Each structure stands twice: as structure tokens, then as C-alpha cells.
């Protein structure tokens, strides 16, 4: 194992079979060798953190470039559990784009989050988020069977599953009417009357309607 990093050493041990013979060396605490080993371990840990953050930025930036500015790309690490829903605590909903009667690109969205599950515990994912990628496996555009199998495999073979999703950015349109489109200054008085749009009315009610209209106009005149 000399000359290998941590992940390479673990991989070598895992692939060594059912019986392994190991030769070890133990340095005394406080010895130069022990201090040097501690320093190397710290440097390797820092390097791994930097690599993870760099990879995360690369994945998010790549999907943002592909999807455009209408979508927010989110990547989150989930620790799978042993539940029967695949271990991530999400249920899926699939749709397809239809053009001229032909089914095109499939889309897979989070339909619901299991309460207390890994996805809900992350406090990041939401119903309606579209699945893009699980670890290094692209889910976007794949069939429902392929996506389900990829998620189950990731949850059963990895201690952490990095799930990347897209969320459509909500835009709020604020409408400011022009002065000529604004309501008249007498609108509060007009809105408080009981008059409705009348398409037909008997002759006996005409006089009452005229009196009511005259009273409203007098109030408007006073208000102005």
C-alpha cells in the first residue's frame, strides 16, 4: 500500500479477497515519523475537500450552461437509509415532451418527499424538482426504468449520493398601470353602490333606478 492514497488503499483492500495478510508499522507518539504522518493526513484531507467543492461547482456550472438562465441548478449530498423506497426518500413523477404526436425527451420530477427521509432531512429538495444527475450518472432524458435503477444502485453502493436537480426560477411580474388606465378617483363611492349591470328591466323600476343614479352622481360631485 506504500505510495497509494487513502481511496486507492481502500480499493486495494476491498479487492484482496476473503483472506488478507497485512504488514504494519507503528510509529511512537511524538516521534518525527508520527508527526510527519499526521501532517500528511491533514494535507490529504484538505485536498479531498477542495476536490469535492471543485467537482460540485463544475457539475452545477455545466448544467446551468446546458439549461439556461430560466432554471436554478441545485446539488445536494444525501445519506441513504434502508427504507424500501430506494433509500433516498423520494417518489418520482415522469412526463415526456410531445411534438407532432411523437414522444420526445422524458423528464423525471420529485413527486413527494418521505417525512424524515434523507431528501426531506436535507431541507433543500422540493416537490417539482427535476432530476438531472445522481453522482456521475446522468438521469436527464433517460427512461423511467433507467432512472429508477440508477437511483437504487447509487443508494445501495454509495455511502453518499450526490443528487443534482433543476428548479424553474419563479418570476414575479409587477404591473403598474399608466395614469390613464388607473381607476377613477370616485371609484370607492361607485363600488359601494348596489347597482349591477342590468340588461333588461321592467318599466316600474325605471324611476327608482334614475333616482339611485342621481344620488350617486351627487355624491361623486361632492367628492370631487
C-alpha atoms as a PDB file:
ATOM      1  CA  UNK A   1       0.000   0.000   0.000  1.00  0.00           C
ATOM      2  CA  UNK A   2       3.025   2.270   0.103  1.00  0.00           C
ATOM      3  CA  UNK A   3       2.668   5.177  -2.300  1.00  0.00           C
ATOM      4  CA  UNK A   4      -1.129   4.881  -2.554  1.00  0.00           C
ATOM      5  CA  UNK A   5      -3.587   7.473  -1.310  1.00  0.00           C
ATOM      6  CA  UNK A   6      -6.465   6.692   1.038  1.00  0.00           C
ATOM      7  CA  UNK A   7      -9.074   5.793  -1.598  1.00  0.00           C
ATOM      8  CA  UNK A   8      -6.598   3.646  -3.565  1.00  0.00           C
ATOM      9  CA  UNK A   9      -5.597   1.794  -0.395  1.00  0.00           C
ATOM     10  CA  UNK A  10      -9.232   1.070   0.479  1.00  0.00           C
ATOM     11  CA  UNK A  11      -9.915  -0.173  -3.048  1.00  0.00           C
ATOM     12  CA  UNK A  12      -6.886  -2.470  -2.879  1.00  0.00           C
ATOM     13  CA  UNK A  13      -8.002  -3.926   0.447  1.00  0.00           C
ATOM     14  CA  UNK A  14     -11.562  -4.476  -0.772  1.00  0.00           C
ATOM     15  CA  UNK A  15     -10.326  -6.360  -3.837  1.00  0.00           C
ATOM     16  CA  UNK A  16      -7.847  -8.510  -1.894  1.00  0.00           C
ATOM     17  CA  UNK A  17     -10.198 -11.450  -1.339  1.00  0.00           C
ATOM     18  CA  UNK A  18     -11.629 -13.101   1.761  1.00  0.00           C
ATOM     19  CA  UNK A  19      -8.263 -13.608   3.487  1.00  0.00           C
ATOM     20  CA  UNK A  20      -5.675 -10.822   3.666  1.00  0.00           C
ATOM     21  CA  UNK A  21      -2.185 -10.785   5.170  1.00  0.00           C
ATOM     22  CA  UNK A  22      -1.099  -7.278   6.183  1.00  0.00           C
ATOM     23  CA  UNK A  23       2.274  -5.962   7.312  1.00  0.00           C
ATOM     24  CA  UNK A  24       2.028  -2.883   9.574  1.00  0.00           C
ATOM     25  CA  UNK A  25       4.371  -0.328  11.043  1.00  0.00           C
ATOM     26  CA  UNK A  26       3.547   1.717  14.134  1.00  0.00           C
ATOM     27  CA  UNK A  27       5.377   4.919  14.994  1.00  0.00           C
ATOM     28  CA  UNK A  28       5.733   6.021  18.599  1.00  0.00           C
ATOM     29  CA  UNK A  29       3.610   9.080  19.524  1.00  0.00           C
ATOM     30  CA  UNK A  30       5.667  12.264  19.321  1.00  0.00           C
ATOM     31  CA  UNK A  31       8.295  10.768  17.006  1.00  0.00           C
ATOM     32  CA  UNK A  32       9.246  12.686  13.839  1.00  0.00           C
ATOM     33  CA  UNK A  33       7.672   9.934  11.722  1.00  0.00           C
ATOM     34  CA  UNK A  34       4.351  10.176  13.589  1.00  0.00           C
ATOM     35  CA  UNK A  35       4.271  13.975  13.287  1.00  0.00           C
ATOM     36  CA  UNK A  36       5.083  13.787   9.575  1.00  0.00           C
ATOM     37  CA  UNK A  37       2.334  11.206   9.044  1.00  0.00           C
ATOM     38  CA  UNK A  38      -0.185  13.407  10.866  1.00  0.00           C
ATOM     39  CA  UNK A  39       0.757  16.387   8.700  1.00  0.00           C
ATOM     40  CA  UNK A  40       0.362  14.336   5.504  1.00  0.00           C
ATOM     41  CA  UNK A  41      -3.052  13.100   6.606  1.00  0.00           C
ATOM     42  CA  UNK A  42      -4.216  16.663   7.225  1.00  0.00           C
ATOM     43  CA  UNK A  43      -2.963  17.807   3.819  1.00  0.00           C
ATOM     44  CA  UNK A  44      -4.711  14.903   2.089  1.00  0.00           C
ATOM     45  CA  UNK A  45      -7.976  15.674   3.890  1.00  0.00           C
ATOM     46  CA  UNK A  46      -7.793  19.338   2.823  1.00  0.00           C
ATOM     47  CA  UNK A  47      -7.085  18.275  -0.777  1.00  0.00           C
ATOM     48  CA  UNK A  48     -10.112  15.969  -0.787  1.00  0.00           C
ATOM     49  CA  UNK A  49     -12.373  18.773   0.450  1.00  0.00           C
ATOM     50  CA  UNK A  50     -11.072  21.099  -2.268  1.00  0.00           C
ATOM     51  CA  UNK A  51     -11.615  18.399  -4.918  1.00  0.00           C
ATOM     52  CA  UNK A  52     -15.195  17.804  -3.754  1.00  0.00           C
ATOM     53  CA  UNK A  53     -16.040  21.513  -3.799  1.00  0.00           C
ATOM     54  CA  UNK A  54     -14.432  21.942  -7.215  1.00  0.00           C
ATOM     55  CA  UNK A  55     -16.383  18.981  -8.611  1.00  0.00           C
ATOM     56  CA  UNK A  56     -19.610  20.361  -7.161  1.00  0.00           C
ATOM     57  CA  UNK A  57     -19.037  23.743  -8.821  1.00  0.00           C
ATOM     58  CA  UNK A  58     -18.197  22.061 -12.127  1.00  0.00           C
ATOM     59  CA  UNK A  59     -21.396  19.959 -12.129  1.00  0.00           C
ATOM     60  CA  UNK A  60     -23.640  22.903 -11.266  1.00  0.00           C
ATOM     61  CA  UNK A  61     -21.947  25.209 -13.785  1.00  0.00           C
ATOM     62  CA  UNK A  62     -22.188  22.589 -16.545  1.00  0.00           C
ATOM     63  CA  UNK A  63     -25.918  22.058 -16.054  1.00  0.00           C
ATOM     64  CA  UNK A  64     -26.578  25.793 -15.786  1.00  0.00           C
ATOM     65  CA  UNK A  65     -24.906  26.283 -19.143  1.00  0.00           C
ATOM     66  CA  UNK A  66     -26.976  23.494 -20.709  1.00  0.00           C
ATOM     67  CA  UNK A  67     -30.361  24.512 -19.281  1.00  0.00           C
ATOM     68  CA  UNK A  68     -30.072  28.299 -19.436  1.00  0.00           C
ATOM     69  CA  UNK A  69     -30.924  31.079 -17.022  1.00  0.00           C
ATOM     70  CA  UNK A  70     -34.550  30.015 -16.502  1.00  0.00           C
ATOM     71  CA  UNK A  71     -33.505  27.218 -14.152  1.00  0.00           C
ATOM     72  CA  UNK A  72     -31.739  27.054 -10.824  1.00  0.00           C
ATOM     73  CA  UNK A  73     -29.396  24.057 -10.515  1.00  0.00           C
ATOM     74  CA  UNK A  74     -29.031  22.519  -7.054  1.00  0.00           C
ATOM     75  CA  UNK A  75     -26.687  19.736  -5.950  1.00  0.00           C
ATOM     76  CA  UNK A  76     -27.068  18.090  -2.544  1.00  0.00           C
ATOM     77  CA  UNK A  77     -25.427  15.125  -0.805  1.00  0.00           C
ATOM     78  CA  UNK A  78     -27.842  12.571   0.679  1.00  0.00           C
ATOM     79  CA  UNK A  79     -27.037   9.736   3.089  1.00  0.00           C
ATOM     80  CA  UNK A  80     -29.270   6.799   2.036  1.00  0.00           C
ATOM     81  CA  UNK A  81     -31.239   4.821   4.595  1.00  0.00           C
ATOM     82  CA  UNK A  82     -32.612   1.272   4.419  1.00  0.00           C
ATOM     83  CA  UNK A  83     -36.233   2.049   3.554  1.00  0.00           C
ATOM     84  CA  UNK A  84     -37.982   0.290   0.687  1.00  0.00           C
ATOM     85  CA  UNK A  85     -38.442   3.429  -1.429  1.00  0.00           C
ATOM     86  CA  UNK A  86     -34.857   3.205  -2.648  1.00  0.00           C
ATOM     87  CA  UNK A  87     -33.201   4.785   0.359  1.00  0.00           C
ATOM     88  CA  UNK A  88     -33.381   8.432  -0.714  1.00  0.00           C
ATOM     89  CA  UNK A  89     -36.903   9.181   0.493  1.00  0.00           C
ATOM     90  CA  UNK A  90     -38.356  10.445  -2.783  1.00  0.00           C
ATOM     91  CA  UNK A  91     -41.131   9.342  -5.108  1.00  0.00           C
ATOM     92  CA  UNK A  92     -40.929  10.198  -8.801  1.00  0.00           C
ATOM     93  CA  UNK A  93     -43.289  11.516 -11.434  1.00  0.00           C
ATOM     94  CA  UNK A  94     -42.395  11.150 -15.102  1.00  0.00           C
ATOM     95  CA  UNK A  95     -43.501  13.197 -18.100  1.00  0.00           C
ATOM     96  CA  UNK A  96     -42.497  13.397 -21.758  1.00  0.00           C
ATOM     97  CA  UNK A  97     -42.365  16.207 -24.283  1.00  0.00           C
ATOM     98  CA  UNK A  98     -44.750  15.629 -27.207  1.00  0.00           C
ATOM     99  CA  UNK A  99     -44.110  17.221 -30.603  1.00  0.00           C
ATOM    100  CA  UNK A 100     -46.387  16.433 -33.554  1.00  0.00           C
ATOM    101  CA  UNK A 101     -47.677  13.382 -31.722  1.00  0.00           C
ATOM    102  CA  UNK A 102     -44.200  11.966 -31.067  1.00  0.00           C
ATOM    103  CA  UNK A 103     -42.890  11.432 -27.526  1.00  0.00           C
ATOM    104  CA  UNK A 104     -39.512  13.109 -27.131  1.00  0.00           C
ATOM    105  CA  UNK A 105     -37.366  13.863 -24.081  1.00  0.00           C
ATOM    106  CA  UNK A 106     -38.557  12.235 -20.813  1.00  0.00           C
ATOM    107  CA  UNK A 107     -38.468  14.295 -17.617  1.00  0.00           C
ATOM    108  CA  UNK A 108     -38.430  12.948 -14.070  1.00  0.00           C
ATOM    109  CA  UNK A 109     -39.597  15.097 -11.167  1.00  0.00           C
ATOM    110  CA  UNK A 110     -39.715  14.652  -7.412  1.00  0.00           C
ATOM    111  CA  UNK A 111     -43.371  13.965  -6.679  1.00  0.00           C
ATOM    112  CA  UNK A 112     -43.154  13.838  -2.876  1.00  0.00           C
ATOM    113  CA  UNK A 113     -40.635  13.613  -0.031  1.00  0.00           C
ATOM    114  CA  UNK A 114     -40.914  10.937   2.656  1.00  0.00           C
ATOM    115  CA  UNK A 115     -41.182  12.662   6.056  1.00  0.00           C
ATOM    116  CA  UNK A 116     -37.941  12.149   7.948  1.00  0.00           C
ATOM    117  CA  UNK A 117     -36.200  10.673   4.896  1.00  0.00           C
ATOM    118  CA  UNK A 118     -32.800  11.745   3.537  1.00  0.00           C
ATOM    119  CA  UNK A 119     -34.302  14.089   0.927  1.00  0.00           C
ATOM    120  CA  UNK A 120     -36.624  15.772   3.422  1.00  0.00           C
ATOM    121  CA  UNK A 121     -33.856  15.945   6.026  1.00  0.00           C
ATOM    122  CA  UNK A 122     -31.643  17.871   3.580  1.00  0.00           C
ATOM    123  CA  UNK A 123     -34.156  20.745   3.727  1.00  0.00           C
ATOM    124  CA  UNK A 124     -33.104  21.616   0.173  1.00  0.00           C
ATOM    125  CA  UNK A 125     -35.113  19.452  -2.219  1.00  0.00           C
ATOM    126  CA  UNK A 126     -38.755  20.167  -3.082  1.00  0.00           C
ATOM    127  CA  UNK A 127     -41.609  18.537  -4.910  1.00  0.00           C
ATOM    128  CA  UNK A 128     -41.373  19.506  -8.575  1.00  0.00           C
ATOM    129  CA  UNK A 129     -37.559  19.495  -8.777  1.00  0.00           C
ATOM    130  CA  UNK A 130     -36.373  17.752 -11.953  1.00  0.00           C
ATOM    131  CA  UNK A 131     -33.692  15.078 -11.619  1.00  0.00           C
ATOM    132  CA  UNK A 132     -30.558  15.754 -13.642  1.00  0.00           C
ATOM    133  CA  UNK A 133     -27.816  13.564 -12.239  1.00  0.00           C
ATOM    134  CA  UNK A 134     -27.041  11.087  -9.436  1.00  0.00           C
ATOM    135  CA  UNK A 135     -23.327  11.019  -8.604  1.00  0.00           C
ATOM    136  CA  UNK A 136     -21.711  10.737 -12.061  1.00  0.00           C
ATOM    137  CA  UNK A 137     -24.744   9.163 -13.779  1.00  0.00           C
ATOM    138  CA  UNK A 138     -26.850  11.481 -15.954  1.00  0.00           C
ATOM    139  CA  UNK A 139     -30.600  10.952 -15.434  1.00  0.00           C
ATOM    140  CA  UNK A 140     -31.872  13.739 -17.675  1.00  0.00           C
ATOM    141  CA  UNK A 141     -33.574  12.339 -20.770  1.00  0.00           C
ATOM    142  CA  UNK A 142     -33.406   8.700 -19.639  1.00  0.00           C
ATOM    143  CA  UNK A 143     -36.340   6.303 -19.315  1.00  0.00           C
ATOM    144  CA  UNK A 144     -38.200   5.822 -16.040  1.00  0.00           C
ATOM    145  CA  UNK A 145     -36.768   2.320 -15.604  1.00  0.00           C
ATOM    146  CA  UNK A 146     -33.209   3.544 -16.175  1.00  0.00           C
ATOM    147  CA  UNK A 147     -33.618   6.406 -13.697  1.00  0.00           C
ATOM    148  CA  UNK A 148     -35.125   4.163 -11.012  1.00  0.00           C
ATOM    149  CA  UNK A 149     -32.383   1.561 -11.377  1.00  0.00           C
ATOM    150  CA  UNK A 150     -29.662   4.235 -11.290  1.00  0.00           C
ATOM    151  CA  UNK A 151     -31.039   5.738  -8.072  1.00  0.00           C
ATOM    152  CA  UNK A 152     -31.342   2.344  -6.366  1.00  0.00           C
ATOM    153  CA  UNK A 153     -27.812   1.388  -7.413  1.00  0.00           C
ATOM    154  CA  UNK A 154     -26.394   4.696  -6.183  1.00  0.00           C
ATOM    155  CA  UNK A 155     -28.187   4.364  -2.838  1.00  0.00           C
ATOM    156  CA  UNK A 156     -27.049   0.773  -2.271  1.00  0.00           C
ATOM    157  CA  UNK A 157     -23.428   1.120  -3.375  1.00  0.00           C
ATOM    158  CA  UNK A 158     -22.506   4.574  -2.054  1.00  0.00           C
ATOM    159  CA  UNK A 159     -22.418   5.996   1.435  1.00  0.00           C
ATOM    160  CA  UNK A 160     -23.426   9.357  -0.015  1.00  0.00           C
ATOM    161  CA  UNK A 161     -25.459  10.120  -3.121  1.00  0.00           C
ATOM    162  CA  UNK A 162     -24.951  13.486  -4.770  1.00  0.00           C
ATOM    163  CA  UNK A 163     -28.267  14.369  -6.367  1.00  0.00           C
ATOM    164  CA  UNK A 164     -28.377  17.235  -8.854  1.00  0.00           C
ATOM    165  CA  UNK A 165     -31.750  18.741  -9.731  1.00  0.00           C
ATOM    166  CA  UNK A 166     -33.167  21.668 -11.684  1.00  0.00           C
ATOM    167  CA  UNK A 167     -35.780  24.079 -10.356  1.00  0.00           C
ATOM    168  CA  UNK A 168     -37.564  26.575 -12.573  1.00  0.00           C
ATOM    169  CA  UNK A 169     -36.973  30.116 -11.350  1.00  0.00           C
ATOM    170  CA  UNK A 170     -40.218  31.796 -10.322  1.00  0.00           C
ATOM    171  CA  UNK A 171     -40.623  35.253 -11.818  1.00  0.00           C
ATOM    172  CA  UNK A 172     -42.968  37.851 -10.348  1.00  0.00           C
ATOM    173  CA  UNK A 173     -44.457  40.337 -12.799  1.00  0.00           C
ATOM    174  CA  UNK A 174     -45.374  43.645 -11.149  1.00  0.00           C
ATOM    175  CA  UNK A 175     -47.990  45.532 -13.188  1.00  0.00           C
ATOM    176  CA  UNK A 176     -48.048  49.306 -12.764  1.00  0.00           C
ATOM    177  CA  UNK A 177     -50.941  50.839 -14.733  1.00  0.00           C
ATOM    178  CA  UNK A 178     -50.473  54.103 -16.574  1.00  0.00           C
ATOM    179  CA  UNK A 179     -52.383  57.106 -15.188  1.00  0.00           C
ATOM    180  CA  UNK A 180     -54.979  56.864 -17.960  1.00  0.00           C
ATOM    181  CA  UNK A 181     -55.549  53.193 -17.057  1.00  0.00           C
ATOM    182  CA  UNK A 182     -55.985  53.826 -13.338  1.00  0.00           C
ATOM    183  CA  UNK A 183     -59.349  53.649 -11.603  1.00  0.00           C
ATOM    184  CA  UNK A 184     -61.255  56.954 -11.319  1.00  0.00           C
ATOM    185  CA  UNK A 185     -60.915  58.916  -8.115  1.00  0.00           C
ATOM    186  CA  UNK A 186     -64.605  58.340  -7.394  1.00  0.00           C
ATOM    187  CA  UNK A 187     -64.227  54.534  -7.635  1.00  0.00           C
ATOM    188  CA  UNK A 188     -64.692  53.931  -3.858  1.00  0.00           C
ATOM    189  CA  UNK A 189     -68.116  55.594  -3.983  1.00  0.00           C
ATOM    190  CA  UNK A 190     -69.169  53.829  -7.149  1.00  0.00           C
ATOM    191  CA  UNK A 191     -68.023  50.461  -5.806  1.00  0.00           C
ATOM    192  CA  UNK A 192     -70.151  50.776  -2.664  1.00  0.00           C
ATOM    193  CA  UNK A 193     -73.474  51.039  -4.506  1.00  0.00           C
ATOM    194  CA  UNK A 194     -75.717  48.064  -5.038  1.00  0.00           C
ATOM    195  CA  UNK A 195     -76.270  48.751  -8.762  1.00  0.00           C
ATOM    196  CA  UNK A 196     -75.470  45.871 -11.090  1.00  0.00           C
ATOM    197  CA  UNK A 197     -75.206  45.637 -14.841  1.00  0.00           C
ATOM    198  CA  UNK A 198     -78.806  45.281 -15.949  1.00  0.00           C
ATOM    199  CA  UNK A 199     -79.646  44.000 -19.403  1.00  0.00           C
ATOM    200  CA  UNK A 200     -83.447  44.233 -19.043  1.00  0.00           C
ATOM    201  CA  UNK A 201     -85.747  45.830 -16.510  1.00  0.00           C
ATOM    202  CA  UNK A 202     -89.465  46.387 -16.142  1.00  0.00           C
ATOM    203  CA  UNK A 203     -90.922  49.889 -16.583  1.00  0.00           C
ATOM    204  CA  UNK A 204     -91.967  50.115 -12.945  1.00  0.00           C
ATOM    205  CA  UNK A 205     -88.303  50.065 -11.853  1.00  0.00           C
ATOM    206  CA  UNK A 206     -87.014  52.776 -14.190  1.00  0.00           C
ATOM    207  CA  UNK A 207     -87.911  55.676 -11.892  1.00  0.00           C
ATOM    208  CA  UNK A 208     -86.192  54.030  -8.932  1.00  0.00           C
ATOM    209  CA  UNK A 209     -83.079  53.400 -10.999  1.00  0.00           C
ATOM    210  CA  UNK A 210     -82.915  57.026 -12.148  1.00  0.00           C
ATOM    211  CA  UNK A 211     -83.263  58.260  -8.563  1.00  0.00           C
ATOM    212  CA  UNK A 212     -80.460  55.951  -7.441  1.00  0.00           C
ATOM    213  CA  UNK A 213     -78.196  57.085 -10.279  1.00  0.00           C
ATOM    214  CA  UNK A 214     -78.873  60.764  -9.496  1.00  0.00           C
ATOM    215  CA  UNK A 215     -77.959  60.207  -5.826  1.00  0.00           C
ATOM    216  CA  UNK A 216     -74.674  58.523  -6.767  1.00  0.00           C
ATOM    217  CA  UNK A 217     -73.735  61.353  -9.121  1.00  0.00           C
ATOM    218  CA  UNK A 218     -74.407  63.905  -6.386  1.00  0.00           C
ATOM    219  CA  UNK A 219     -72.038  62.005  -4.054  1.00  0.00           C
ATOM    220  CA  UNK A 220     -69.367  61.896  -6.766  1.00  0.00           C
ATOM    221  CA  UNK A 221     -69.744  65.645  -7.331  1.00  0.00           C
ATOM    222  CA  UNK A 222     -69.264  66.321  -3.609  1.00  0.00           C
ATOM    223  CA  UNK A 223     -66.235  64.008  -3.507  1.00  0.00           C
ATOM    224  CA  UNK A 224     -64.576  65.782  -6.415  1.00  0.00           C
END
